[in-house]
Amino acid sequence: MRKRCLSLSFSISAFLGLAQLTYAQSELHHLTFNVGGGYTATTGNISNRLDGGGHFQAGIGYNLNRYLGILGTFNFHQLGLTGQALNEVNVPDGSSRVYSLTAEPKITLPYRRLAGFYLLGGGGWMRRTVEFTQPTVAQTIVFDPWFGYYGPALIPANQVIGSYSQNAGVWDVGGGFNIPLPRARFKLYIESRFYDGITNTHTTLVPITVGLRW
């Protein structure tokens, strides 16, 4: 009887262990996607010329296991120009756009299934474009059903009076949290990174991103 009890206990333990392993493996998605956005702060010397702004992020990754993976990330940042930068070239307004495409190895520290903290770092390509503008008016065709008017009209617009772009290498490092959503295959992620673009004046950005990963 004792041998039978031990054998039954061993069988039940092995079954539960196998079920738990199978469940964990079924929950792990090797191919992942993410999309998000948030605020981008500027830091270092570039903060004297570029103001913070918003950004959009999209990525694709592959998980080797629950701990190791690789991530490819695209970021677009829409930034402003500081008053100091505008005064130096004597223009009324302007803006900047920064694109980056990077690849990062990722280390995840799981907590409660697929939730957890992750660290990443890597590098790639960055393109920074700066435009100087001035207010003007532009002619367009409008339709006003209230007065029954259809025809040309003048509207406020910005005229680009100068721009320059630069391509450069970039490296980044950061980390974030994955939070599984109830009754969904999506996970909420909150992430912060530091980007250092090796442009003439280093483009150092700190985007804070909130998005979905699946």
C-alpha atoms as a PDB file:
ATOM      1  CA  MET A   1       0.000   0.000   0.000  1.00  0.00           C
ATOM      2  CA  ARG A   2       2.840   2.353   0.877  1.00  0.00           C
ATOM      3  CA  LYS A   3       4.540   1.660  -2.445  1.00  0.00           C
ATOM      4  CA  ARG A   4       1.293   2.321  -4.282  1.00  0.00           C
ATOM      5  CA  CYS A   5       0.818   5.643  -2.460  1.00  0.00           C
ATOM      6  CA  LEU A   6       4.376   6.698  -3.253  1.00  0.00           C
ATOM      7  CA  SER A   7       3.934   5.679  -6.882  1.00  0.00           C
ATOM      8  CA  LEU A   8       0.640   7.579  -7.114  1.00  0.00           C
ATOM      9  CA  SER A   9       2.169  10.679  -5.492  1.00  0.00           C
ATOM     10  CA  PHE A  10       5.104  10.551  -7.878  1.00  0.00           C
ATOM     11  CA  SER A  11       2.794  10.203 -10.885  1.00  0.00           C
ATOM     12  CA  ILE A  12       0.629  13.123  -9.765  1.00  0.00           C
ATOM     13  CA  SER A  13       3.706  15.319  -9.141  1.00  0.00           C
ATOM     14  CA  ALA A  14       5.172  14.433 -12.534  1.00  0.00           C
ATOM     15  CA  PHE A  15       1.844  15.145 -14.241  1.00  0.00           C
ATOM     16  CA  LEU A  16       1.487  18.534 -12.522  1.00  0.00           C
ATOM     17  CA  GLY A  17       5.070  19.438 -13.343  1.00  0.00           C
ATOM     18  CA  LEU A  18       4.603  18.497 -16.999  1.00  0.00           C
ATOM     19  CA  ALA A  19       1.316  20.405 -17.169  1.00  0.00           C
ATOM     20  CA  GLN A  20       2.929  23.497 -15.666  1.00  0.00           C
ATOM     21  CA  LEU A  21       5.843  23.289 -18.122  1.00  0.00           C
ATOM     22  CA  THR A  22       3.504  22.810 -21.079  1.00  0.00           C
ATOM     23  CA  TYR A  23       1.371  25.745 -19.930  1.00  0.00           C
ATOM     24  CA  ALA A  24       4.400  27.995 -19.587  1.00  0.00           C
ATOM     25  CA  GLN A  25       5.664  27.014 -23.020  1.00  0.00           C
ATOM     26  CA  SER A  26       2.252  27.565 -24.600  1.00  0.00           C
ATOM     27  CA  GLU A  27       2.123  31.048 -23.082  1.00  0.00           C
ATOM     28  CA  LEU A  28       5.505  32.034 -24.520  1.00  0.00           C
ATOM     29  CA  HIS A  29       5.171  33.682 -27.919  1.00  0.00           C
ATOM     30  CA  HIS A  30       8.464  33.595 -29.775  1.00  0.00           C
ATOM     31  CA  LEU A  31       7.492  36.274 -32.317  1.00  0.00           C
ATOM     32  CA  THR A  32       6.289  39.518 -30.717  1.00  0.00           C
ATOM     33  CA  PHE A  33       5.149  42.938 -31.892  1.00  0.00           C
ATOM     34  CA  ASN A  34       4.757  46.216 -30.051  1.00  0.00           C
ATOM     35  CA  VAL A  35       3.428  49.694 -30.736  1.00  0.00           C
ATOM     36  CA  GLY A  36       3.332  52.717 -28.460  1.00  0.00           C
ATOM     37  CA  GLY A  37       4.129  56.372 -27.985  1.00  0.00           C
ATOM     38  CA  GLY A  38       4.806  59.026 -25.413  1.00  0.00           C
ATOM     39  CA  TYR A  39       6.994  61.985 -24.508  1.00  0.00           C
ATOM     40  CA  THR A  40      10.595  62.544 -25.593  1.00  0.00           C
ATOM     41  CA  ALA A  41      12.891  64.686 -23.448  1.00  0.00           C
ATOM     42  CA  THR A  42      16.151  66.129 -24.751  1.00  0.00           C
ATOM     43  CA  THR A  43      19.291  66.118 -22.623  1.00  0.00           C
ATOM     44  CA  GLY A  44      22.931  67.160 -22.855  1.00  0.00           C
ATOM     45  CA  ASN A  45      24.149  69.927 -25.182  1.00  0.00           C
ATOM     46  CA  ILE A  46      21.381  69.293 -27.712  1.00  0.00           C
ATOM     47  CA  SER A  47      18.781  70.451 -25.161  1.00  0.00           C
ATOM     48  CA  ASN A  48      20.006  74.015 -25.819  1.00  0.00           C
ATOM     49  CA  ARG A  49      18.743  73.669 -29.392  1.00  0.00           C
ATOM     50  CA  LEU A  50      15.971  71.054 -29.410  1.00  0.00           C
ATOM     51  CA  ASP A  51      12.833  71.129 -27.268  1.00  0.00           C
ATOM     52  CA  GLY A  52      11.085  67.982 -26.076  1.00  0.00           C
ATOM     53  CA  GLY A  53       8.112  66.596 -27.944  1.00  0.00           C
ATOM     54  CA  GLY A  54       6.148  63.467 -28.760  1.00  0.00           C
ATOM     55  CA  HIS A  55       7.192  60.202 -30.355  1.00  0.00           C
ATOM     56  CA  PHE A  56       5.810  57.051 -31.956  1.00  0.00           C
ATOM     57  CA  GLN A  57       7.391  53.617 -31.527  1.00  0.00           C
ATOM     58  CA  ALA A  58       6.912  50.277 -33.296  1.00  0.00           C
ATOM     59  CA  GLY A  59       8.914  47.103 -32.932  1.00  0.00           C
ATOM     60  CA  ILE A  60       9.222  43.428 -33.731  1.00  0.00           C
ATOM     61  CA  GLY A  61      11.082  40.868 -31.657  1.00  0.00           C
ATOM     62  CA  TYR A  62      11.938  37.222 -31.260  1.00  0.00           C
ATOM     63  CA  ASN A  63      12.094  35.505 -27.866  1.00  0.00           C
ATOM     64  CA  LEU A  64      14.604  32.662 -27.683  1.00  0.00           C
ATOM     65  CA  ASN A  65      13.108  31.756 -24.296  1.00  0.00           C
ATOM     66  CA  ARG A  66      11.508  33.569 -21.359  1.00  0.00           C
ATOM     67  CA  TYR A  67      14.787  35.296 -20.534  1.00  0.00           C
ATOM     68  CA  LEU A  68      16.588  36.138 -23.767  1.00  0.00           C
ATOM     69  CA  GLY A  69      15.415  37.768 -26.969  1.00  0.00           C
ATOM     70  CA  ILE A  70      16.237  40.306 -29.645  1.00  0.00           C
ATOM     71  CA  LEU A  71      14.180  43.370 -30.547  1.00  0.00           C
ATOM     72  CA  GLY A  72      14.094  45.615 -33.618  1.00  0.00           C
ATOM     73  CA  THR A  73      12.711  49.114 -32.945  1.00  0.00           C
ATOM     74  CA  PHE A  74      11.621  52.061 -35.088  1.00  0.00           C
ATOM     75  CA  ASN A  75      11.145  55.448 -33.438  1.00  0.00           C
ATOM     76  CA  PHE A  76       9.874  58.760 -34.812  1.00  0.00           C
ATOM     77  CA  HIS A  77      10.288  61.882 -32.656  1.00  0.00           C
ATOM     78  CA  GLN A  78       8.630  65.232 -33.422  1.00  0.00           C
ATOM     79  CA  LEU A  79      10.563  67.930 -31.556  1.00  0.00           C
ATOM     80  CA  GLY A  80      10.630  71.715 -31.334  1.00  0.00           C
ATOM     81  CA  LEU A  81      13.450  74.258 -31.490  1.00  0.00           C
ATOM     82  CA  THR A  82      14.495  76.381 -28.528  1.00  0.00           C
ATOM     83  CA  GLY A  83      14.418  80.174 -28.560  1.00  0.00           C
ATOM     84  CA  GLN A  84      18.214  80.185 -28.435  1.00  0.00           C
ATOM     85  CA  ALA A  85      18.450  78.123 -31.623  1.00  0.00           C
ATOM     86  CA  LEU A  86      15.934  80.353 -33.423  1.00  0.00           C
ATOM     87  CA  ASN A  87      17.650  83.565 -32.334  1.00  0.00           C
ATOM     88  CA  GLU A  88      21.024  82.340 -33.588  1.00  0.00           C
ATOM     89  CA  VAL A  89      19.713  82.053 -37.152  1.00  0.00           C
ATOM     90  CA  ASN A  90      17.168  84.895 -36.794  1.00  0.00           C
ATOM     91  CA  VAL A  91      14.065  82.949 -37.821  1.00  0.00           C
ATOM     92  CA  PRO A  92      10.612  83.038 -36.167  1.00  0.00           C
ATOM     93  CA  ASP A  93       9.919  79.314 -35.822  1.00  0.00           C
ATOM     94  CA  GLY A  94      11.062  75.802 -36.637  1.00  0.00           C
ATOM     95  CA  SER A  95      10.892  72.136 -35.765  1.00  0.00           C
ATOM     96  CA  SER A  96      12.922  68.939 -35.850  1.00  0.00           C
ATOM     97  CA  ARG A  97      12.225  65.321 -36.745  1.00  0.00           C
ATOM     98  CA  VAL A  98      14.343  62.386 -35.607  1.00  0.00           C
ATOM     99  CA  TYR A  99      14.040  58.865 -37.006  1.00  0.00           C
ATOM    100  CA  SER A 100      15.892  55.856 -35.629  1.00  0.00           C
ATOM    101  CA  LEU A 101      16.079  52.171 -36.471  1.00  0.00           C
ATOM    102  CA  THR A 102      17.895  49.966 -33.957  1.00  0.00           C
ATOM    103  CA  ALA A 103      18.389  46.349 -32.908  1.00  0.00           C
ATOM    104  CA  GLU A 104      18.712  45.406 -29.225  1.00  0.00           C
ATOM    105  CA  PRO A 105      19.403  42.178 -27.322  1.00  0.00           C
ATOM    106  CA  LYS A 106      16.871  41.957 -24.473  1.00  0.00           C
ATOM    107  CA  ILE A 107      17.117  40.302 -21.053  1.00  0.00           C
ATOM    108  CA  THR A 108      13.815  39.663 -19.263  1.00  0.00           C
ATOM    109  CA  LEU A 109      13.405  38.908 -15.557  1.00  0.00           C
ATOM    110  CA  PRO A 110      10.002  37.141 -15.457  1.00  0.00           C
ATOM    111  CA  TYR A 111       7.575  37.624 -12.601  1.00  0.00           C
ATOM    112  CA  ARG A 112       4.203  35.853 -12.429  1.00  0.00           C
ATOM    113  CA  ARG A 113       3.976  34.220 -15.844  1.00  0.00           C
ATOM    114  CA  LEU A 114       4.975  36.691 -18.575  1.00  0.00           C
ATOM    115  CA  ALA A 115       4.993  39.853 -16.461  1.00  0.00           C
ATOM    116  CA  GLY A 116       8.356  41.207 -15.510  1.00  0.00           C
ATOM    117  CA  PHE A 117      11.143  43.697 -15.899  1.00  0.00           C
ATOM    118  CA  TYR A 118      13.426  43.785 -18.930  1.00  0.00           C
ATOM    119  CA  LEU A 119      16.725  45.423 -19.892  1.00  0.00           C
ATOM    120  CA  LEU A 120      17.901  46.122 -23.423  1.00  0.00           C
ATOM    121  CA  GLY A 121      20.664  47.888 -25.290  1.00  0.00           C
ATOM    122  CA  GLY A 122      21.963  48.072 -28.833  1.00  0.00           C
ATOM    123  CA  GLY A 123      22.449  50.427 -31.740  1.00  0.00           C
ATOM    124  CA  GLY A 124      21.667  51.283 -35.323  1.00  0.00           C
ATOM    125  CA  TRP A 125      20.881  54.263 -37.548  1.00  0.00           C
ATOM    126  CA  MET A 126      19.502  57.763 -36.855  1.00  0.00           C
ATOM    127  CA  ARG A 127      18.370  60.591 -39.146  1.00  0.00           C
ATOM    128  CA  ARG A 128      17.883  64.108 -37.766  1.00  0.00           C
ATOM    129  CA  THR A 129      16.136  66.829 -39.786  1.00  0.00           C
ATOM    130  CA  VAL A 130      15.814  70.474 -38.734  1.00  0.00           C
ATOM    131  CA  GLU A 131      13.457  72.912 -40.486  1.00  0.00           C
ATOM    132  CA  PHE A 132      13.192  76.680 -40.091  1.00  0.00           C
ATOM    133  CA  THR A 133       9.803  78.201 -40.895  1.00  0.00           C
ATOM    134  CA  GLN A 134       7.961  81.501 -41.001  1.00  0.00           C
ATOM    135  CA  PRO A 135       4.216  82.191 -40.953  1.00  0.00           C
ATOM    136  CA  THR A 136       2.538  82.878 -44.255  1.00  0.00           C
ATOM    137  CA  VAL A 137      -0.791  82.342 -45.983  1.00  0.00           C
ATOM    138  CA  ALA A 138      -1.699  79.746 -48.567  1.00  0.00           C
ATOM    139  CA  GLN A 139      -4.517  79.631 -51.072  1.00  0.00           C
ATOM    140  CA  THR A 140      -6.848  76.650 -51.093  1.00  0.00           C
ATOM    141  CA  ILE A 141     -10.348  75.700 -52.239  1.00  0.00           C
ATOM    142  CA  VAL A 142     -13.053  75.645 -49.539  1.00  0.00           C
ATOM    143  CA  PHE A 143     -16.731  74.770 -49.419  1.00  0.00           C
ATOM    144  CA  ASP A 144     -19.014  76.443 -46.870  1.00  0.00           C
ATOM    145  CA  PRO A 145     -22.482  74.806 -46.901  1.00  0.00           C
ATOM    146  CA  TRP A 146     -23.863  77.431 -44.499  1.00  0.00           C
ATOM    147  CA  PHE A 147     -23.348  80.325 -46.933  1.00  0.00           C
ATOM    148  CA  GLY A 148     -23.248  78.139 -50.013  1.00  0.00           C
ATOM    149  CA  TYR A 149     -19.759  79.332 -50.936  1.00  0.00           C
ATOM    150  CA  TYR A 150     -17.332  77.276 -52.991  1.00  0.00           C
ATOM    151  CA  GLY A 151     -14.100  78.823 -54.157  1.00  0.00           C
ATOM    152  CA  PRO A 152     -10.599  80.003 -53.249  1.00  0.00           C
ATOM    153  CA  ALA A 153      -9.665  81.183 -49.758  1.00  0.00           C
ATOM    154  CA  LEU A 154      -6.514  82.127 -47.870  1.00  0.00           C
ATOM    155  CA  ILE A 155      -5.524  80.124 -44.765  1.00  0.00           C
ATOM    156  CA  PRO A 156      -2.593  80.449 -42.315  1.00  0.00           C
ATOM    157  CA  ALA A 157       0.389  78.217 -43.096  1.00  0.00           C
ATOM    158  CA  ASN A 158       4.069  77.747 -42.354  1.00  0.00           C
ATOM    159  CA  GLN A 159       6.643  78.340 -45.065  1.00  0.00           C
ATOM    160  CA  VAL A 160       9.883  76.338 -44.885  1.00  0.00           C
ATOM    161  CA  ILE A 161      12.758  78.774 -45.421  1.00  0.00           C
ATOM    162  CA  GLY A 162      15.595  76.356 -44.687  1.00  0.00           C
ATOM    163  CA  SER A 163      16.304  72.793 -43.613  1.00  0.00           C
ATOM    164  CA  TYR A 164      19.163  70.357 -43.168  1.00  0.00           C
ATOM    165  CA  SER A 165      19.406  66.650 -42.413  1.00  0.00           C
ATOM    166  CA  GLN A 166      22.123  64.386 -41.074  1.00  0.00           C
ATOM    167  CA  ASN A 167      22.476  60.593 -40.940  1.00  0.00           C
ATOM    168  CA  ALA A 168      24.515  59.038 -38.151  1.00  0.00           C
ATOM    169  CA  GLY A 169      24.998  55.992 -36.003  1.00  0.00           C
ATOM    170  CA  VAL A 170      23.169  55.721 -32.689  1.00  0.00           C
ATOM    171  CA  TRP A 171      23.356  53.561 -29.576  1.00  0.00           C
ATOM    172  CA  ASP A 172      20.659  53.079 -26.975  1.00  0.00           C
ATOM    173  CA  VAL A 173      20.090  51.471 -23.587  1.00  0.00           C
ATOM    174  CA  GLY A 174      16.965  51.169 -21.471  1.00  0.00           C
ATOM    175  CA  GLY A 175      14.448  49.042 -19.664  1.00  0.00           C
ATOM    176  CA  GLY A 176      10.789  48.611 -18.909  1.00  0.00           C
ATOM    177  CA  PHE A 177       7.932  46.529 -17.509  1.00  0.00           C
ATOM    178  CA  ASN A 178       5.549  44.087 -19.178  1.00  0.00           C
ATOM    179  CA  ILE A 179       2.126  43.856 -17.533  1.00  0.00           C
ATOM    180  CA  PRO A 180      -0.304  41.179 -18.868  1.00  0.00           C
ATOM    181  CA  LEU A 181      -3.833  42.439 -19.430  1.00  0.00           C
ATOM    182  CA  PRO A 182      -6.717  40.322 -18.070  1.00  0.00           C
ATOM    183  CA  ARG A 183      -8.484  38.050 -20.568  1.00  0.00           C
ATOM    184  CA  ALA A 184      -6.298  39.259 -23.447  1.00  0.00           C
ATOM    185  CA  ARG A 185      -3.174  38.216 -25.287  1.00  0.00           C
ATOM    186  CA  PHE A 186      -1.869  41.774 -25.090  1.00  0.00           C
ATOM    187  CA  LYS A 187       0.552  43.138 -22.543  1.00  0.00           C
ATOM    188  CA  LEU A 188       0.879  46.739 -21.463  1.00  0.00           C
ATOM    189  CA  TYR A 189       4.475  47.910 -21.482  1.00  0.00           C
ATOM    190  CA  ILE A 190       6.059  50.990 -19.927  1.00  0.00           C
ATOM    191  CA  GLU A 191       9.568  51.729 -21.117  1.00  0.00           C
ATOM    192  CA  SER A 192      12.298  54.341 -20.930  1.00  0.00           C
ATOM    193  CA  ARG A 193      15.455  54.543 -23.054  1.00  0.00           C
ATOM    194  CA  PHE A 194      18.483  56.732 -23.589  1.00  0.00           C
ATOM    195  CA  TYR A 195      19.498  57.392 -27.216  1.00  0.00           C
ATOM    196  CA  ASP A 196      22.834  58.913 -28.209  1.00  0.00           C
ATOM    197  CA  GLY A 197      22.963  59.813 -31.904  1.00  0.00           C
ATOM    198  CA  ILE A 198      26.503  60.519 -33.075  1.00  0.00           C
ATOM    199  CA  THR A 199      25.611  63.646 -35.051  1.00  0.00           C
ATOM    200  CA  ASN A 200      27.769  66.829 -35.145  1.00  0.00           C
ATOM    201  CA  THR A 201      26.179  67.832 -31.835  1.00  0.00           C
ATOM    202  CA  HIS A 202      25.230  64.515 -30.223  1.00  0.00           C
ATOM    203  CA  THR A 203      21.473  63.970 -30.346  1.00  0.00           C
ATOM    204  CA  THR A 204      20.737  62.639 -26.854  1.00  0.00           C
ATOM    205  CA  LEU A 205      17.091  61.771 -26.251  1.00  0.00           C
ATOM    206  CA  VAL A 206      15.161  60.122 -23.405  1.00  0.00           C
ATOM    207  CA  PRO A 207      11.782  58.844 -24.670  1.00  0.00           C
ATOM    208  CA  ILE A 208       9.233  57.471 -22.192  1.00  0.00           C
ATOM    209  CA  THR A 209       6.873  55.055 -23.950  1.00  0.00           C
ATOM    210  CA  VAL A 210       3.538  53.448 -23.054  1.00  0.00           C
ATOM    211  CA  GLY A 211       2.127  50.861 -25.446  1.00  0.00           C
ATOM    212  CA  LEU A 212       0.882  47.372 -26.191  1.00  0.00           C
ATOM    213  CA  ARG A 213       2.922  44.230 -26.873  1.00  0.00           C
ATOM    214  CA  TRP A 214       1.547  40.938 -28.231  1.00  0.00           C
END
